[in-house]
Amino acid sequence: MKGKLKKAIKKMETKEYKVARVDKSEFELENGDIYPHVFELDDDISVEDFQKILDLSKENIVDHIKKIDKINE
């Protein structure tokens, strides 16, 4: 399991997710991948603001995976 977590951490740290479009129900990445929001957004949000949210979310996920990896050592 340790090797898989380390690979996941490395992949997430180096992968860039560039937002191309966002609306109330979904967002699209530059590579064409489209993801629905977990809930519909109440307000319009700019691509730049949503990019900031996505970047911070990625950092939080990486931090959580690192903590799990440290606990499992």
Protein backbone atom coordinates (compact mmCIF):
# COMPACT_ATOMS: atom_id res chain seq x y z
CA MET A 1 0.00 0.00 0.00
CA LYS A 2 2.85 2.41 0.78
CA GLY A 3 4.14 2.35 -2.78
CA LYS A 4 0.68 3.06 -4.19
CA LEU A 5 0.17 6.03 -1.88
CA LYS A 6 3.56 7.48 -2.76
CA LYS A 7 2.76 7.12 -6.47
CA ALA A 8 -0.63 8.78 -5.96
CA ILE A 9 0.99 11.65 -4.07
CA LYS A 10 3.63 12.18 -6.75
CA LYS A 11 1.06 12.03 -9.57
CA MET A 12 -1.27 14.50 -7.87
CA GLU A 13 1.55 16.91 -7.00
CA THR A 14 2.78 17.08 -10.59
CA LYS A 15 -0.55 16.98 -12.46
CA GLU A 16 -2.01 20.32 -13.51
CA TYR A 17 -5.77 20.69 -13.87
CA LYS A 18 -6.56 23.72 -16.04
CA VAL A 19 -10.20 24.85 -15.96
CA ALA A 20 -11.55 25.89 -19.36
CA ARG A 21 -15.23 26.43 -18.49
CA VAL A 22 -17.49 26.41 -15.47
CA ASP A 23 -21.25 26.80 -15.05
CA LYS A 24 -23.79 26.07 -12.31
CA SER A 25 -23.89 22.32 -12.91
CA GLU A 26 -20.45 21.27 -14.25
CA PHE A 27 -16.92 22.29 -15.13
CA GLU A 28 -14.68 21.41 -18.05
CA LEU A 29 -10.92 21.03 -18.05
CA GLU A 30 -8.62 22.15 -20.84
CA ASN A 31 -8.21 18.51 -21.95
CA GLY A 32 -11.99 18.20 -22.59
CA ASP A 33 -12.88 16.24 -19.44
CA ILE A 34 -16.20 17.38 -17.99
CA TYR A 35 -17.12 16.88 -14.33
CA PRO A 36 -20.46 17.58 -12.65
CA HIS A 37 -20.49 19.56 -9.43
CA VAL A 38 -21.54 17.60 -6.36
CA PHE A 39 -24.27 20.21 -5.95
CA GLU A 40 -25.54 22.97 -8.23
CA LEU A 41 -23.83 26.30 -7.63
CA ASP A 42 -26.10 29.16 -6.56
CA ASP A 43 -23.98 31.91 -8.09
CA ASP A 44 -22.01 32.33 -11.27
CA ILE A 45 -18.31 31.85 -10.66
CA SER A 46 -15.49 32.90 -12.94
CA VAL A 47 -13.07 30.39 -14.40
CA GLU A 48 -10.27 32.11 -12.49
CA ASP A 49 -12.05 31.82 -9.14
CA PHE A 50 -13.03 28.20 -9.76
CA GLN A 51 -9.40 27.44 -10.75
CA LYS A 52 -8.30 28.75 -7.35
CA ILE A 53 -10.83 26.48 -5.60
CA LEU A 54 -9.70 23.48 -7.65
CA ASP A 55 -6.02 24.17 -6.93
CA LEU A 56 -6.64 24.48 -3.19
CA SER A 57 -8.74 21.32 -3.21
CA LYS A 58 -5.91 19.45 -4.91
CA GLU A 59 -3.46 20.70 -2.26
CA ASN A 60 -5.80 19.55 0.52
CA ILE A 61 -6.17 16.09 -1.01
CA VAL A 62 -2.39 15.73 -1.36
CA ASP A 63 -1.93 16.81 2.28
CA HIS A 64 -4.50 14.22 3.45
CA ILE A 65 -2.85 11.45 1.44
CA LYS A 66 0.55 12.39 2.91
CA LYS A 67 -0.92 12.21 6.43
CA ILE A 68 -2.40 8.79 5.72
CA ASP A 69 0.95 7.64 4.34
CA LYS A 70 2.75 8.93 7.44
CA ILE A 71 0.27 7.13 9.75
CA ASN A 72 0.83 3.88 7.84
CA GLU A 73 4.64 4.02 8.19
